[in-house]
PDB file of N, CA and C in Angstrom:
ATOM      1  N   MET A   1     -12.703  -8.358 -28.235  1.00  0.00           N
ATOM      2  CA  MET A   1     -12.211  -7.079 -27.723  1.00  0.00           C
ATOM      3  C   MET A   1     -11.266  -7.043 -27.323  1.00  0.00           C
ATOM      4  N   ALA A   2     -10.495  -5.990 -27.471  1.00  0.00           N
ATOM      5  CA  ALA A   2      -9.268  -5.481 -26.569  1.00  0.00           C
ATOM      6  C   ALA A   2      -9.785  -4.722 -25.251  1.00  0.00           C
ATOM      7  N   PRO A   3      -8.870  -5.010 -24.324  1.00  0.00           N
ATOM      8  CA  PRO A   3      -9.217  -4.034 -23.196  1.00  0.00           C
ATOM      9  C   PRO A   3      -9.076  -2.788 -23.117  1.00  0.00           C
ATOM     10  N   VAL A   4      -9.771  -2.140 -22.511  1.00  0.00           N
ATOM     11  CA  VAL A   4      -9.662  -0.679 -22.523  1.00  0.00           C
ATOM     12  C   VAL A   4      -8.885  -0.088 -21.689  1.00  0.00           C
ATOM     13  N   GLU A   5      -7.813   0.793 -22.045  1.00  0.00           N
ATOM     14  CA  GLU A   5      -7.357   1.578 -20.833  1.00  0.00           C
ATOM     15  C   GLU A   5      -7.685   2.719 -20.187  1.00  0.00           C
ATOM     16  N   ILE A   6      -7.782   2.566 -19.342  1.00  0.00           N
ATOM     17  CA  ILE A   6      -8.229   3.684 -18.264  1.00  0.00           C
ATOM     18  C   ILE A   6      -7.392   5.057 -18.392  1.00  0.00           C
ATOM     19  N   VAL A   7      -7.514   6.541 -18.682  1.00  0.00           N
ATOM     20  CA  VAL A   7      -6.815   7.104 -18.714  1.00  0.00           C
ATOM     21  C   VAL A   7      -7.077   8.482 -17.965  1.00  0.00           C
ATOM     22  N   PRO A   8      -6.836   8.850 -16.587  1.00  0.00           N
ATOM     23  CA  PRO A   8      -7.534   9.693 -15.887  1.00  0.00           C
ATOM     24  C   PRO A   8      -7.309  11.098 -16.140  1.00  0.00           C
ATOM     25  N   SER A   9      -7.579  11.990 -15.931  1.00  0.00           N
ATOM     26  CA  SER A   9      -7.944  13.493 -16.654  1.00  0.00           C
ATOM     27  C   SER A   9      -6.700  14.180 -16.702  1.00  0.00           C
ATOM     28  N   THR A  10      -5.634  13.255 -16.099  1.00  0.00           N
ATOM     29  CA  THR A  10      -4.252  14.300 -15.834  1.00  0.00           C
ATOM     30  C   THR A  10      -3.576  13.879 -17.222  1.00  0.00           C
ATOM     31  N   GLY A  11      -4.200  13.029 -17.826  1.00  0.00           N
ATOM     32  CA  GLY A  11      -3.597  12.537 -19.056  1.00  0.00           C
ATOM     33  C   GLY A  11      -2.668  11.398 -19.101  1.00  0.00           C
ATOM     34  N   HIS A  12      -2.043  11.012 -17.379  1.00  0.00           N
ATOM     35  CA  HIS A  12      -1.428   9.871 -17.293  1.00  0.00           C
ATOM     36  C   HIS A  12      -2.111   8.515 -17.701  1.00  0.00           C
ATOM     37  N   SER A  13      -1.239   7.694 -18.135  1.00  0.00           N
ATOM     38  CA  SER A  13      -1.827   6.664 -18.079  1.00  0.00           C
ATOM     39  C   SER A  13      -1.789   5.598 -16.899  1.00  0.00           C
ATOM     40  N   THR A  14      -2.751   4.769 -16.718  1.00  0.00           N
ATOM     41  CA  THR A  14      -2.737   3.498 -15.813  1.00  0.00           C
ATOM     42  C   THR A  14      -1.808   2.646 -16.366  1.00  0.00           C
ATOM     43  N   SER A  15      -1.698   2.366 -17.458  1.00  0.00           N
ATOM     44  CA  SER A  15      -0.789   1.048 -17.864  1.00  0.00           C
ATOM     45  C   SER A  15       0.063   0.659 -17.169  1.00  0.00           C
ATOM     46  N   GLY A  16       0.543  -0.536 -16.721  1.00  0.00           N
ATOM     47  CA  GLY A  16       1.225  -1.065 -16.091  1.00  0.00           C
ATOM     48  C   GLY A  16       1.152  -1.299 -14.135  1.00  0.00           C
ATOM     49  N   VAL A  17       0.003  -0.383 -13.908  1.00  0.00           N
ATOM     50  CA  VAL A  17      -0.629  -0.605 -12.594  1.00  0.00           C
ATOM     51  C   VAL A  17      -0.841  -1.841 -11.993  1.00  0.00           C
ATOM     52  N   LYS A  18      -0.008  -2.499 -11.042  1.00  0.00           N
ATOM     53  CA  LYS A  18      -0.724  -3.931 -10.657  1.00  0.00           C
ATOM     54  C   LYS A  18      -1.129  -3.915  -9.402  1.00  0.00           C
ATOM     55  N   TYR A  19      -1.935  -4.793  -9.188  1.00  0.00           N
ATOM     56  CA  TYR A  19      -3.021  -4.711  -7.828  1.00  0.00           C
ATOM     57  C   TYR A  19      -2.175  -5.616  -6.685  1.00  0.00           C
ATOM     58  N   ALA A  20      -2.494  -5.340  -5.339  1.00  0.00           N
ATOM     59  CA  ALA A  20      -2.298  -6.343  -4.381  1.00  0.00           C
ATOM     60  C   ALA A  20      -3.162  -6.437  -3.158  1.00  0.00           C
ATOM     61  N   PHE A  21      -3.662  -7.254  -2.482  1.00  0.00           N
ATOM     62  CA  PHE A  21      -4.628  -6.761  -1.441  1.00  0.00           C
ATOM     63  C   PHE A  21      -3.934  -8.164  -0.229  1.00  0.00           C
ATOM     64  N   ALA A  22      -4.474  -7.869   0.759  1.00  0.00           N
ATOM     65  CA  ALA A  22      -4.099  -8.432   1.883  1.00  0.00           C
ATOM     66  C   ALA A  22      -5.296  -8.463   3.284  1.00  0.00           C
ATOM     67  N   GLU A  23      -5.062  -9.041   3.947  1.00  0.00           N
ATOM     68  CA  GLU A  23      -5.740  -9.002   5.125  1.00  0.00           C
ATOM     69  C   GLU A  23      -5.079  -9.267   6.169  1.00  0.00           C
ATOM     70  N   VAL A  24      -4.636  -8.268   7.109  1.00  0.00           N
ATOM     71  CA  VAL A  24      -3.440  -8.277   7.877  1.00  0.00           C
ATOM     72  C   VAL A  24      -3.694  -8.281   9.672  1.00  0.00           C
ATOM     73  N   ALA A  25      -3.500  -9.303   9.800  1.00  0.00           N
ATOM     74  CA  ALA A  25      -3.744  -9.538  11.565  1.00  0.00           C
ATOM     75  C   ALA A  25      -3.046  -8.628  12.389  1.00  0.00           C
ATOM     76  N   VAL A  26      -3.748  -8.500  13.619  1.00  0.00           N
ATOM     77  CA  VAL A  26      -3.561  -7.392  14.553  1.00  0.00           C
ATOM     78  C   VAL A  26      -2.108  -7.502  15.093  1.00  0.00           C
ATOM     79  N   SER A  27      -1.454  -6.382  15.352  1.00  0.00           N
ATOM     80  CA  SER A  27       0.095  -6.341  15.881  1.00  0.00           C
ATOM     81  C   SER A  27       0.993  -7.352  14.982  1.00  0.00           C
ATOM     82  N   GLN A  28       1.036  -6.592  13.836  1.00  0.00           N
ATOM     83  CA  GLN A  28       2.059  -7.337  12.797  1.00  0.00           C
ATOM     84  C   GLN A  28       3.143  -6.379  12.628  1.00  0.00           C
ATOM     85  N   THR A  29       4.384  -6.754  12.419  1.00  0.00           N
ATOM     86  CA  THR A  29       5.569  -5.847  11.796  1.00  0.00           C
ATOM     87  C   THR A  29       6.141  -6.405  10.759  1.00  0.00           C
ATOM     88  N   ASP A  30       5.998  -5.562   9.419  1.00  0.00           N
ATOM     89  CA  ASP A  30       6.713  -5.687   8.476  1.00  0.00           C
ATOM     90  C   ASP A  30       5.806  -6.854   7.386  1.00  0.00           C
ATOM     91  N   GLN A  31       4.508  -6.861   7.728  1.00  0.00           N
ATOM     92  CA  GLN A  31       3.689  -8.004   6.700  1.00  0.00           C
ATOM     93  C   GLN A  31       4.008  -7.832   5.461  1.00  0.00           C
ATOM     94  N   VAL A  32       4.582  -8.622   4.697  1.00  0.00           N
ATOM     95  CA  VAL A  32       4.847  -8.181   3.125  1.00  0.00           C
ATOM     96  C   VAL A  32       3.748  -8.093   2.693  1.00  0.00           C
ATOM     97  N   LEU A  33       3.487  -6.754   1.620  1.00  0.00           N
ATOM     98  CA  LEU A  33       2.500  -6.430   0.588  1.00  0.00           C
ATOM     99  C   LEU A  33       3.175  -6.819  -0.570  1.00  0.00           C
ATOM    100  N   VAL A  34       4.022  -6.574  -0.920  1.00  0.00           N
ATOM    101  CA  VAL A  34       4.650  -6.740  -2.371  1.00  0.00           C
ATOM    102  C   VAL A  34       5.905  -7.083  -1.973  1.00  0.00           C
ATOM    103  N   ALA A  35       6.576  -7.915  -2.558  1.00  0.00           N
ATOM    104  CA  ALA A  35       8.102  -8.617  -2.511  1.00  0.00           C
ATOM    105  C   ALA A  35       9.052  -7.475  -3.357  1.00  0.00           C
ATOM    106  N   ALA A  36      10.199  -7.384  -2.909  1.00  0.00           N
ATOM    107  CA  ALA A  36      11.321  -6.590  -3.274  1.00  0.00           C
ATOM    108  C   ALA A  36      11.740  -7.302  -4.853  1.00  0.00           C
ATOM    109  N   VAL A  37      11.903  -6.544  -5.652  1.00  0.00           N
ATOM    110  CA  VAL A  37      12.260  -6.775  -6.926  1.00  0.00           C
ATOM    111  C   VAL A  37      13.542  -5.836  -7.094  1.00  0.00           C
ATOM    112  N   ALA A  38      14.586  -6.598  -7.302  1.00  0.00           N
ATOM    113  CA  ALA A  38      15.889  -6.210  -7.829  1.00  0.00           C
ATOM    114  C   ALA A  38      15.851  -5.025  -8.528  1.00  0.00           C
ATOM    115  N   GLY A  39      16.794  -3.621  -8.430  1.00  0.00           N
ATOM    116  CA  GLY A  39      17.050  -2.766  -8.874  1.00  0.00           C
ATOM    117  C   GLY A  39      15.735  -1.770  -9.050  1.00  0.00           C
ATOM    118  N   LYS A  40      14.496  -2.143  -8.478  1.00  0.00           N
ATOM    119  CA  LYS A  40      13.016  -1.223  -8.358  1.00  0.00           C
ATOM    120  C   LYS A  40      13.051  -0.909  -7.427  1.00  0.00           C
ATOM    121  N   ARG A  41      12.176   0.006  -7.579  1.00  0.00           N
ATOM    122  CA  ARG A  41      11.308   0.816  -6.235  1.00  0.00           C
ATOM    123  C   ARG A  41       9.951   0.236  -6.389  1.00  0.00           C
ATOM    124  N   ILE A  42       8.975   0.250  -5.355  1.00  0.00           N
ATOM    125  CA  ILE A  42       7.524  -0.004  -5.547  1.00  0.00           C
ATOM    126  C   ILE A  42       6.794   1.259  -5.380  1.00  0.00           C
ATOM    127  N   ARG A  43       6.390   2.094  -6.324  1.00  0.00           N
ATOM    128  CA  ARG A  43       5.803   2.959  -6.097  1.00  0.00           C
ATOM    129  C   ARG A  43       4.116   2.804  -5.781  1.00  0.00           C
ATOM    130  N   VAL A  44       3.467   3.404  -4.711  1.00  0.00           N
ATOM    131  CA  VAL A  44       2.180   3.103  -4.151  1.00  0.00           C
ATOM    132  C   VAL A  44       1.296   4.271  -4.939  1.00  0.00           C
ATOM    133  N   HIS A  45       0.140   4.048  -5.860  1.00  0.00           N
ATOM    134  CA  HIS A  45      -0.438   4.966  -6.546  1.00  0.00           C
ATOM    135  C   HIS A  45      -1.771   5.091  -5.943  1.00  0.00           C
ATOM    136  N   GLN A  46      -2.648   4.059  -5.182  1.00  0.00           N
ATOM    137  CA  GLN A  46      -3.632   4.408  -4.476  1.00  0.00           C
ATOM    138  C   GLN A  46      -3.750   3.245  -3.497  1.00  0.00           C
ATOM    139  N   THR A  47      -4.352   3.302  -2.560  1.00  0.00           N
ATOM    140  CA  THR A  47      -4.605   2.485  -1.579  1.00  0.00           C
ATOM    141  C   THR A  47      -5.966   2.545  -1.080  1.00  0.00           C
ATOM    142  N   ARG A  48      -6.475   1.439  -0.259  1.00  0.00           N
ATOM    143  CA  ARG A  48      -7.783   1.378   0.217  1.00  0.00           C
ATOM    144  C   ARG A  48      -7.514   0.422   1.602  1.00  0.00           C
ATOM    145  N   ARG A  49      -7.805   0.997   3.016  1.00  0.00           N
ATOM    146  CA  ARG A  49      -7.755   0.267   4.226  1.00  0.00           C
ATOM    147  C   ARG A  49      -8.923   0.173   4.767  1.00  0.00           C
ATOM    148  N   ILE A  50      -9.310  -1.149   5.349  1.00  0.00           N
ATOM    149  CA  ILE A  50     -10.678  -1.129   5.762  1.00  0.00           C
ATOM    150  C   ILE A  50     -10.671  -1.988   7.182  1.00  0.00           C
ATOM    151  N   VAL A  51     -10.706  -1.716   8.316  1.00  0.00           N
ATOM    152  CA  VAL A  51     -10.776  -1.985   9.476  1.00  0.00           C
ATOM    153  C   VAL A  51     -12.065  -2.502  10.328  1.00  0.00           C
ATOM    154  N   GLY A  52     -12.134  -3.354  11.310  1.00  0.00           N
ATOM    155  CA  GLY A  52     -13.272  -4.005  11.706  1.00  0.00           C
ATOM    156  C   GLY A  52     -13.897  -3.234  12.987  1.00  0.00           C
ATOM    157  N   GLY A  53     -14.273  -4.019  14.000  1.00  0.00           N
ATOM    158  CA  GLY A  53     -14.924  -3.367  15.060  1.00  0.00           C
ATOM    159  C   GLY A  53     -13.992  -2.407  16.404  1.00  0.00           C
ATOM    160  N   THR A  54     -12.849  -2.457  15.997  1.00  0.00           N
ATOM    161  CA  THR A  54     -12.076  -1.550  16.795  1.00  0.00           C
ATOM    162  C   THR A  54     -11.092  -0.836  16.182  1.00  0.00           C
ATOM    163  N   ALA A  55     -10.761   0.088  16.384  1.00  0.00           N
ATOM    164  CA  ALA A  55      -9.938   1.364  15.562  1.00  0.00           C
ATOM    165  C   ALA A  55      -8.565   0.611  15.433  1.00  0.00           C
ATOM    166  N   THR A  56      -7.932   0.472  14.535  1.00  0.00           N
ATOM    167  CA  THR A  56      -6.443  -0.057  14.171  1.00  0.00           C
ATOM    168  C   THR A  56      -5.592   0.539  13.368  1.00  0.00           C
ATOM    169  N   THR A  57      -4.381   0.840  13.870  1.00  0.00           N
ATOM    170  CA  THR A  57      -3.321   1.594  13.297  1.00  0.00           C
ATOM    171  C   THR A  57      -2.712   0.871  12.116  1.00  0.00           C
ATOM    172  N   SER A  58      -2.096   1.649  10.886  1.00  0.00           N
ATOM    173  CA  SER A  58      -1.686   1.014   9.972  1.00  0.00           C
ATOM    174  C   SER A  58      -0.433   2.172   9.579  1.00  0.00           C
ATOM    175  N   ARG A  59       0.685   1.384   9.036  1.00  0.00           N
ATOM    176  CA  ARG A  59       1.760   2.341   8.591  1.00  0.00           C
ATOM    177  C   ARG A  59       2.291   1.370   7.469  1.00  0.00           C
ATOM    178  N   MET A  60       2.835   1.926   6.201  1.00  0.00           N
ATOM    179  CA  MET A  60       3.664   1.094   5.213  1.00  0.00           C
ATOM    180  C   MET A  60       4.911   1.481   5.169  1.00  0.00           C
ATOM    181  N   ASN A  61       5.742   0.205   5.053  1.00  0.00           N
ATOM    182  CA  ASN A  61       7.300   0.755   4.893  1.00  0.00           C
ATOM    183  C   ASN A  61       8.100   0.245   3.799  1.00  0.00           C
ATOM    184  N   SER A  62       9.226   0.358   3.901  1.00  0.00           N
ATOM    185  CA  SER A  62      10.177   0.066   2.854  1.00  0.00           C
ATOM    186  C   SER A  62      11.229  -0.926   3.596  1.00  0.00           C
ATOM    187  N   LYS A  63      11.193  -1.884   3.353  1.00  0.00           N
ATOM    188  CA  LYS A  63      11.826  -2.990   4.198  1.00  0.00           C
ATOM    189  C   LYS A  63      12.879  -3.811   3.249  1.00  0.00           C
ATOM    190  N   GLY A  64      14.040  -3.404   3.958  1.00  0.00           N
ATOM    191  CA  GLY A  64      15.439  -3.845   3.425  1.00  0.00           C
ATOM    192  C   GLY A  64      15.834  -5.052   4.353  1.00  0.00           C
ATOM    193  N   ALA A  65      17.114  -5.240   5.062  1.00  0.00           N
ATOM    194  CA  ALA A  65      17.506  -5.902   5.835  1.00  0.00           C
ATOM    195  C   ALA A  65      17.434  -5.236   7.027  1.00  0.00           C
ATOM    196  N   GLY A  66      16.575  -5.907   8.068  1.00  0.00           N
ATOM    197  CA  GLY A  66      16.588  -5.525   9.365  1.00  0.00           C
ATOM    198  C   GLY A  66      15.363  -4.828   9.503  1.00  0.00           C
ATOM    199  N   ALA A  67      14.797  -3.858  10.450  1.00  0.00           N
ATOM    200  CA  ALA A  67      13.398  -3.301  10.534  1.00  0.00           C
ATOM    201  C   ALA A  67      13.287  -2.206   9.562  1.00  0.00           C
ATOM    202  N   GLY A  68      11.979  -2.416   8.801  1.00  0.00           N
ATOM    203  CA  GLY A  68      11.301  -1.534   7.845  1.00  0.00           C
ATOM    204  C   GLY A  68      11.617   0.108   8.490  1.00  0.00           C
ATOM    205  N   THR A  69      11.510   0.920   6.702  1.00  0.00           N
ATOM    206  CA  THR A  69      11.336   2.037   7.438  1.00  0.00           C
ATOM    207  C   THR A  69      10.131   2.738   6.901  1.00  0.00           C
ATOM    208  N   ALA A  70       9.340   3.582   7.719  1.00  0.00           N
ATOM    209  CA  ALA A  70       8.140   4.179   7.438  1.00  0.00           C
ATOM    210  C   ALA A  70       8.471   5.113   6.352  1.00  0.00           C
ATOM    211  N   ILE A  71       7.526   4.825   5.259  1.00  0.00           N
ATOM    212  CA  ILE A  71       7.344   5.636   4.161  1.00  0.00           C
ATOM    213  C   ILE A  71       6.099   6.551   4.045  1.00  0.00           C
ATOM    214  N   GLU A  72       5.059   6.644   5.288  1.00  0.00           N
ATOM    215  CA  GLU A  72       3.955   7.303   5.286  1.00  0.00           C
ATOM    216  C   GLU A  72       3.936   7.418   6.851  1.00  0.00           C
ATOM    217  N   PRO A  73       2.997   8.564   7.218  1.00  0.00           N
ATOM    218  CA  PRO A  73       2.392   8.388   8.170  1.00  0.00           C
ATOM    219  C   PRO A  73       1.563   7.556   8.808  1.00  0.00           C
ATOM    220  N   THR A  74       1.494   7.203  10.269  1.00  0.00           N
ATOM    221  CA  THR A  74       0.415   6.548  10.681  1.00  0.00           C
ATOM    222  C   THR A  74      -0.686   6.768  10.337  1.00  0.00           C
ATOM    223  N   VAL A  75      -1.772   5.696   9.987  1.00  0.00           N
ATOM    224  CA  VAL A  75      -3.139   5.866   9.382  1.00  0.00           C
ATOM    225  C   VAL A  75      -4.018   5.347  10.654  1.00  0.00           C
ATOM    226  N   THR A  76      -5.328   6.034  11.062  1.00  0.00           N
ATOM    227  CA  THR A  76      -5.969   5.442  12.008  1.00  0.00           C
ATOM    228  C   THR A  76      -7.105   5.715  11.490  1.00  0.00           C
ATOM    229  N   PRO A  77      -7.699   4.467  10.914  1.00  0.00           N
ATOM    230  CA  PRO A  77      -9.129   4.600  10.875  1.00  0.00           C
ATOM    231  C   PRO A  77      -9.927   4.070  12.050  1.00  0.00           C
ATOM    232  N   ALA A  78     -11.137   4.683  12.068  1.00  0.00           N
ATOM    233  CA  ALA A  78     -11.963   4.756  12.898  1.00  0.00           C
ATOM    234  C   ALA A  78     -12.936   3.110  13.225  1.00  0.00           C
ATOM    235  N   ILE A  79     -13.440   2.752  13.809  1.00  0.00           N
ATOM    236  CA  ILE A  79     -14.164   1.568  14.390  1.00  0.00           C
ATOM    237  C   ILE A  79     -15.089   1.429  12.957  1.00  0.00           C
ATOM    238  N   ASN A  80     -14.960   0.511  12.378  1.00  0.00           N
ATOM    239  CA  ASN A  80     -15.280  -0.054  11.164  1.00  0.00           C
ATOM    240  C   ASN A  80     -15.523   0.863  10.115  1.00  0.00           C
ATOM    241  N   GLY A  81     -14.258   1.706  10.042  1.00  0.00           N
ATOM    242  CA  GLY A  81     -14.097   2.397   9.045  1.00  0.00           C
ATOM    243  C   GLY A  81     -13.001   2.250   8.214  1.00  0.00           C
ATOM    244  N   GLY A  82     -12.765   3.277   7.250  1.00  0.00           N
ATOM    245  CA  GLY A  82     -11.296   3.175   6.302  1.00  0.00           C
ATOM    246  C   GLY A  82     -10.555   4.328   6.132  1.00  0.00           C
ATOM    247  N   HIS A  83      -9.799   4.122   5.175  1.00  0.00           N
ATOM    248  CA  HIS A  83      -8.983   5.247   4.435  1.00  0.00           C
ATOM    249  C   HIS A  83      -8.771   4.956   3.100  1.00  0.00           C
ATOM    250  N   VAL A  84      -8.915   5.927   2.199  1.00  0.00           N
ATOM    251  CA  VAL A  84      -8.613   5.961   0.927  1.00  0.00           C
ATOM    252  C   VAL A  84      -7.479   6.690   0.556  1.00  0.00           C
ATOM    253  N   ASP A  85      -6.417   6.391  -0.271  1.00  0.00           N
ATOM    254  CA  ASP A  85      -5.684   7.293  -0.775  1.00  0.00           C
ATOM    255  C   ASP A  85      -6.120   6.959  -2.434  1.00  0.00           C
ATOM    256  N   PRO A  86      -6.966   8.110  -3.136  1.00  0.00           N
ATOM    257  CA  PRO A  86      -7.201   7.876  -4.223  1.00  0.00           C
ATOM    258  C   PRO A  86      -6.224   7.899  -5.498  1.00  0.00           C
ATOM    259  N   PHE A  87      -6.267   7.290  -6.878  1.00  0.00           N
ATOM    260  CA  PHE A  87      -5.400   7.033  -7.647  1.00  0.00           C
ATOM    261  C   PHE A  87      -4.305   8.592  -7.963  1.00  0.00           C
ATOM    262  N   SER A  88      -3.286   8.657  -7.558  1.00  0.00           N
ATOM    263  CA  SER A  88      -2.440   9.530  -7.979  1.00  0.00           C
ATOM    264  C   SER A  88      -1.353   9.074  -9.153  1.00  0.00           C
ATOM    265  N   PRO A  89      -1.238   9.716 -10.027  1.00  0.00           N
ATOM    266  CA  PRO A  89      -0.343   9.088 -11.204  1.00  0.00           C
ATOM    267  C   PRO A  89       1.234   9.659 -11.034  1.00  0.00           C
ATOM    268  N   VAL A  90       1.484  10.460  -9.878  1.00  0.00           N
ATOM    269  CA  VAL A  90       3.067  10.609  -9.366  1.00  0.00           C
ATOM    270  C   VAL A  90       3.313   9.546  -7.899  1.00  0.00           C
ATOM    271  N   GLY A  91       2.110   8.805  -7.600  1.00  0.00           N
ATOM    272  CA  GLY A  91       2.320   8.019  -6.564  1.00  0.00           C
ATOM    273  C   GLY A  91       2.252   8.850  -5.067  1.00  0.00           C
ATOM    274  N   TRP A  92       1.841   8.187  -4.053  1.00  0.00           N
ATOM    275  CA  TRP A  92       1.841   8.614  -2.587  1.00  0.00           C
ATOM    276  C   TRP A  92       3.044   8.391  -2.038  1.00  0.00           C
ATOM    277  N   MET A  93       3.607   7.081  -2.265  1.00  0.00           N
ATOM    278  CA  MET A  93       4.983   6.828  -1.557  1.00  0.00           C
ATOM    279  C   MET A  93       5.740   5.718  -2.389  1.00  0.00           C
ATOM    280  N   GLU A  94       6.748   5.357  -1.995  1.00  0.00           N
ATOM    281  CA  GLU A  94       7.797   4.524  -2.880  1.00  0.00           C
ATOM    282  C   GLU A  94       8.486   3.933  -1.812  1.00  0.00           C
ATOM    283  N   THR A  95       9.161   2.901  -2.079  1.00  0.00           N
ATOM    284  CA  THR A  95      10.020   2.230  -1.416  1.00  0.00           C
ATOM    285  C   THR A  95      11.276   2.546  -1.682  1.00  0.00           C
ATOM    286  N   ASN A  96      12.510   2.165  -0.894  1.00  0.00           N
ATOM    287  CA  ASN A  96      13.926   2.457  -1.578  1.00  0.00           C
ATOM    288  C   ASN A  96      14.214   1.085  -2.746  1.00  0.00           C
ATOM    289  N   VAL A  97      14.834   1.729  -3.442  1.00  0.00           N
ATOM    290  CA  VAL A  97      15.413   0.528  -4.434  1.00  0.00           C
ATOM    291  C   VAL A  97      15.649  -0.577  -3.783  1.00  0.00           C
ATOM    292  N   GLY A  98      15.031  -1.819  -4.502  1.00  0.00           N
ATOM    293  CA  GLY A  98      15.528  -3.180  -3.998  1.00  0.00           C
ATOM    294  C   GLY A  98      14.761  -3.700  -2.829  1.00  0.00           C
ATOM    295  N   GLU A  99      13.942  -3.088  -2.422  1.00  0.00           N
ATOM    296  CA  GLU A  99      13.474  -3.177  -0.930  1.00  0.00           C
ATOM    297  C   GLU A  99      11.894  -3.771  -1.437  1.00  0.00           C
ATOM    298  N   ALA A 100      11.216  -4.331  -0.324  1.00  0.00           N
ATOM    299  CA  ALA A 100      10.152  -4.890  -0.142  1.00  0.00           C
ATOM    300  C   ALA A 100       8.827  -3.569   0.521  1.00  0.00           C
ATOM    301  N   LEU A 101       7.680  -3.754  -0.160  1.00  0.00           N
ATOM    302  CA  LEU A 101       6.551  -3.026   0.443  1.00  0.00           C
ATOM    303  C   LEU A 101       5.918  -3.718   1.740  1.00  0.00           C
ATOM    304  N   THR A 102       5.953  -3.393   2.885  1.00  0.00           N
ATOM    305  CA  THR A 102       5.543  -3.986   3.920  1.00  0.00           C
ATOM    306  C   THR A 102       4.335  -3.078   4.750  1.00  0.00           C
ATOM    307  N   ILE A 103       3.625  -3.695   5.703  1.00  0.00           N
ATOM    308  CA  ILE A 103       2.655  -2.814   6.479  1.00  0.00           C
ATOM    309  C   ILE A 103       3.305  -3.092   8.132  1.00  0.00           C
ATOM    310  N   ASN A 104       2.992  -2.340   8.963  1.00  0.00           N
ATOM    311  CA  ASN A 104       2.821  -2.701  10.535  1.00  0.00           C
ATOM    312  C   ASN A 104       1.379  -2.434  10.686  1.00  0.00           C
ATOM    313  N   THR A 105       0.616  -3.362  11.562  1.00  0.00           N
ATOM    314  CA  THR A 105      -0.627  -2.690  12.201  1.00  0.00           C
ATOM    315  C   THR A 105      -0.592  -2.904  13.684  1.00  0.00           C
ATOM    316  N   GLY A 106      -1.285  -2.034  14.403  1.00  0.00           N
ATOM    317  CA  GLY A 106      -1.571  -1.887  15.779  1.00  0.00           C
ATOM    318  C   GLY A 106      -2.492  -3.027  16.215  1.00  0.00           C
ATOM    319  N   ALA A 107      -2.419  -3.301  17.604  1.00  0.00           N
ATOM    320  CA  ALA A 107      -3.679  -3.699  18.277  1.00  0.00           C
ATOM    321  C   ALA A 107      -4.844  -3.355  17.768  1.00  0.00           C
ATOM    322  N   GLY A 108      -5.994  -4.190  17.800  1.00  0.00           N
ATOM    323  CA  GLY A 108      -7.410  -3.949  17.586  1.00  0.00           C
ATOM    324  C   GLY A 108      -8.077  -4.810  16.743  1.00  0.00           C
ATOM    325  N   SER A 109      -8.336  -4.428  15.207  1.00  0.00           N
ATOM    326  CA  SER A 109      -9.126  -5.241  14.364  1.00  0.00           C
ATOM    327  C   SER A 109      -7.781  -5.686  13.228  1.00  0.00           C
ATOM    328  N   VAL A 110      -8.259  -6.804  12.589  1.00  0.00           N
ATOM    329  CA  VAL A 110      -7.715  -6.975  11.065  1.00  0.00           C
ATOM    330  C   VAL A 110      -7.871  -5.665  10.420  1.00  0.00           C
ATOM    331  N   THR A 111      -6.708  -5.756   9.381  1.00  0.00           N
ATOM    332  CA  THR A 111      -6.967  -4.458   8.430  1.00  0.00           C
ATOM    333  C   THR A 111      -6.827  -5.101   6.896  1.00  0.00           C
ATOM    334  N   GLY A 112      -7.683  -4.852   6.180  1.00  0.00           N
ATOM    335  CA  GLY A 112      -7.743  -5.213   4.589  1.00  0.00           C
ATOM    336  C   GLY A 112      -7.518  -4.216   3.942  1.00  0.00           C
ATOM    337  N   ILE A 113      -6.420  -4.158   3.116  1.00  0.00           N
ATOM    338  CA  ILE A 113      -5.474  -3.239   2.337  1.00  0.00           C
ATOM    339  C   ILE A 113      -5.797  -3.453   0.865  1.00  0.00           C
ATOM    340  N   LEU A 114      -6.134  -2.994   0.097  1.00  0.00           N
ATOM    341  CA  LEU A 114      -5.740  -2.989  -1.378  1.00  0.00           C
ATOM    342  C   LEU A 114      -4.774  -2.013  -2.124  1.00  0.00           C
ATOM    343  N   ILE A 115      -4.273  -2.537  -2.791  1.00  0.00           N
ATOM    344  CA  ILE A 115      -3.140  -1.013  -3.193  1.00  0.00           C
ATOM    345  C   ILE A 115      -3.051  -1.365  -5.031  1.00  0.00           C
ATOM    346  N   GLY A 116      -2.883  -0.277  -5.411  1.00  0.00           N
ATOM    347  CA  GLY A 116      -2.363  -0.294  -6.840  1.00  0.00           C
ATOM    348  C   GLY A 116      -0.784   0.380  -6.825  1.00  0.00           C
ATOM    349  N   TYR A 117       0.154  -0.447  -7.603  1.00  0.00           N
ATOM    350  CA  TYR A 117       1.378  -0.121  -7.602  1.00  0.00           C
ATOM    351  C   TYR A 117       2.060  -0.194  -9.090  1.00  0.00           C
ATOM    352  N   THR A 118       3.378   0.499  -9.008  1.00  0.00           N
ATOM    353  CA  THR A 118       3.874   0.063 -10.467  1.00  0.00           C
ATOM    354  C   THR A 118       5.379  -0.377  -9.840  1.00  0.00           C
ATOM    355  N   LEU A 119       6.238  -0.929 -10.759  1.00  0.00           N
ATOM    356  CA  LEU A 119       7.768  -1.074 -10.071  1.00  0.00           C
ATOM    357  C   LEU A 119       8.350   0.427 -11.160  1.00  0.00           C
ATOM    358  N   VAL A 120       9.438   0.587 -10.332  1.00  0.00           N
ATOM    359  CA  VAL A 120       9.884   2.069 -11.070  1.00  0.00           C
ATOM    360  C   VAL A 120      11.430   1.689 -10.933  1.00  0.00           C
TER     361      VAL A 120
END
């Protein structure tokens, strides 16, 4: 049986969406979530973050040479909480061309993150 393609009610296909996940330690700077691809942007269509017993900040970046550049506001889930950006066919954020998708985390708890992305 062929795999079933999910098509959101907007009519946009999810074909080509890739997934990545990580358990990111506290106080990390530019921890790579998705490696850079020459000539491509990484467009993030959905995210889910979970933190443990201490509230922790996180922020995704576009990372070329030098420090990463923020591509979203800082997210601060509560203790044992989380944050979800549901699937968006147009994406929530994207990196600069040829740059990696990275994350910074604050002091507190490990941050578990799942993302759905495409290369554009």
